[in-house]
Amino acid sequence: MVGQGEAPLRECEMKPPPKRLSDLKGGSKPPGTFAPPTPKVSRQKKAKVLTAAERAAFLASRPDLKG
């Protein structure tokens, strides 16, 4: 509570000063050092690229995909 004769504190006086990104202490490693891929990433299936004949056969069987 504000007593008699005391000025109320302004909101800006209560906030800490703004910090810059350069002031923060970084805990990250420098770029260029990457961890090896995890087993989950290694197990992902590679995409199959359809040949022109396979693509035409697939689109012929799916009339809802024709644009």
C-alpha atoms as a PDB file:
ATOM      1  CA  MET A   1       0.000   0.000   0.000  1.00  0.00           C
ATOM      2  CA  VAL A   2       1.061   3.533  -0.651  1.00  0.00           C
ATOM      3  CA  GLY A   3       1.281   5.639   2.471  1.00  0.00           C
ATOM      4  CA  GLN A   4       0.790   9.372   2.695  1.00  0.00           C
ATOM      5  CA  GLY A   5       3.470  11.392   0.975  1.00  0.00           C
ATOM      6  CA  GLU A   6       4.806   8.400  -1.012  1.00  0.00           C
ATOM      7  CA  ALA A   7       4.531   8.342  -4.776  1.00  0.00           C
ATOM      8  CA  PRO A   8       3.215   5.100  -6.286  1.00  0.00           C
ATOM      9  CA  LEU A   9       5.843   3.011  -8.078  1.00  0.00           C
ATOM     10  CA  ARG A  10       5.589   3.097 -11.802  1.00  0.00           C
ATOM     11  CA  GLU A  11       5.388  -0.134 -13.693  1.00  0.00           C
ATOM     12  CA  CYS A  12       8.611   0.532 -15.619  1.00  0.00           C
ATOM     13  CA  GLU A  13      10.582   0.910 -12.372  1.00  0.00           C
ATOM     14  CA  MET A  14       9.645  -2.614 -11.301  1.00  0.00           C
ATOM     15  CA  LYS A  15      10.724  -4.367 -14.504  1.00  0.00           C
ATOM     16  CA  PRO A  16      14.314  -5.576 -14.924  1.00  0.00           C
ATOM     17  CA  PRO A  17      16.277  -3.953 -17.745  1.00  0.00           C
ATOM     18  CA  PRO A  18      15.940  -5.628 -21.152  1.00  0.00           C
ATOM     19  CA  LYS A  19      18.590  -8.180 -22.034  1.00  0.00           C
ATOM     20  CA  ARG A  20      20.356  -8.553 -25.323  1.00  0.00           C
ATOM     21  CA  LEU A  21      20.996 -11.909 -26.964  1.00  0.00           C
ATOM     22  CA  SER A  22      24.719 -11.201 -26.735  1.00  0.00           C
ATOM     23  CA  ASP A  23      24.395 -10.861 -22.931  1.00  0.00           C
ATOM     24  CA  LEU A  24      22.998 -14.386 -22.547  1.00  0.00           C
ATOM     25  CA  LYS A  25      25.387 -17.213 -21.861  1.00  0.00           C
ATOM     26  CA  GLY A  26      25.097 -19.845 -24.571  1.00  0.00           C
ATOM     27  CA  GLY A  27      25.481 -23.502 -23.739  1.00  0.00           C
ATOM     28  CA  SER A  28      25.283 -24.797 -27.287  1.00  0.00           C
ATOM     29  CA  LYS A  29      28.169 -26.241 -29.233  1.00  0.00           C
ATOM     30  CA  PRO A  30      29.589 -24.331 -32.173  1.00  0.00           C
ATOM     31  CA  PRO A  31      28.013 -25.201 -35.539  1.00  0.00           C
ATOM     32  CA  GLY A  32      29.706 -27.928 -37.510  1.00  0.00           C
ATOM     33  CA  THR A  33      29.566 -30.667 -34.882  1.00  0.00           C
ATOM     34  CA  PHE A  34      26.574 -32.896 -35.477  1.00  0.00           C
ATOM     35  CA  ALA A  35      25.582 -36.036 -33.640  1.00  0.00           C
ATOM     36  CA  PRO A  36      25.294 -39.241 -35.664  1.00  0.00           C
ATOM     37  CA  PRO A  37      21.762 -40.095 -36.799  1.00  0.00           C
ATOM     38  CA  THR A  38      19.622 -41.955 -34.320  1.00  0.00           C
ATOM     39  CA  PRO A  39      18.422 -45.474 -35.203  1.00  0.00           C
ATOM     40  CA  LYS A  40      14.889 -44.189 -35.760  1.00  0.00           C
ATOM     41  CA  VAL A  41      16.103 -41.827 -38.486  1.00  0.00           C
ATOM     42  CA  SER A  42      18.173 -44.579 -40.073  1.00  0.00           C
ATOM     43  CA  ARG A  43      15.171 -46.945 -40.230  1.00  0.00           C
ATOM     44  CA  GLN A  44      12.947 -44.567 -42.174  1.00  0.00           C
ATOM     45  CA  LYS A  45      11.925 -45.876 -45.581  1.00  0.00           C
ATOM     46  CA  LYS A  46      13.263 -44.146 -48.616  1.00  0.00           C
ATOM     47  CA  ALA A  47      10.661 -42.797 -51.044  1.00  0.00           C
ATOM     48  CA  LYS A  48      10.049 -44.801 -54.218  1.00  0.00           C
ATOM     49  CA  VAL A  49      10.045 -42.771 -57.411  1.00  0.00           C
ATOM     50  CA  LEU A  50       7.466 -44.062 -59.867  1.00  0.00           C
ATOM     51  CA  THR A  51       8.336 -44.568 -63.489  1.00  0.00           C
ATOM     52  CA  ALA A  52       6.155 -42.884 -66.105  1.00  0.00           C
ATOM     53  CA  ALA A  53       4.304 -46.165 -66.795  1.00  0.00           C
ATOM     54  CA  GLU A  54       3.717 -46.842 -63.073  1.00  0.00           C
ATOM     55  CA  ARG A  55       2.507 -43.287 -62.537  1.00  0.00           C
ATOM     56  CA  ALA A  56       0.081 -43.493 -65.455  1.00  0.00           C
ATOM     57  CA  ALA A  57      -1.282 -46.837 -64.223  1.00  0.00           C
ATOM     58  CA  PHE A  58      -1.732 -45.477 -60.702  1.00  0.00           C
ATOM     59  CA  LEU A  59      -3.538 -42.331 -61.878  1.00  0.00           C
ATOM     60  CA  ALA A  60      -5.755 -44.420 -64.189  1.00  0.00           C
ATOM     61  CA  SER A  61      -6.842 -46.508 -61.206  1.00  0.00           C
ATOM     62  CA  ARG A  62      -7.644 -43.389 -59.142  1.00  0.00           C
ATOM     63  CA  PRO A  63     -10.132 -41.184 -61.039  1.00  0.00           C
ATOM     64  CA  ASP A  64     -10.593 -38.987 -57.950  1.00  0.00           C
ATOM     65  CA  LEU A  65      -6.991 -37.738 -58.290  1.00  0.00           C
ATOM     66  CA  LYS A  66      -7.318 -36.430 -61.816  1.00  0.00           C
ATOM     67  CA  GLY A  67      -7.047 -32.672 -61.846  1.00  0.00           C
END
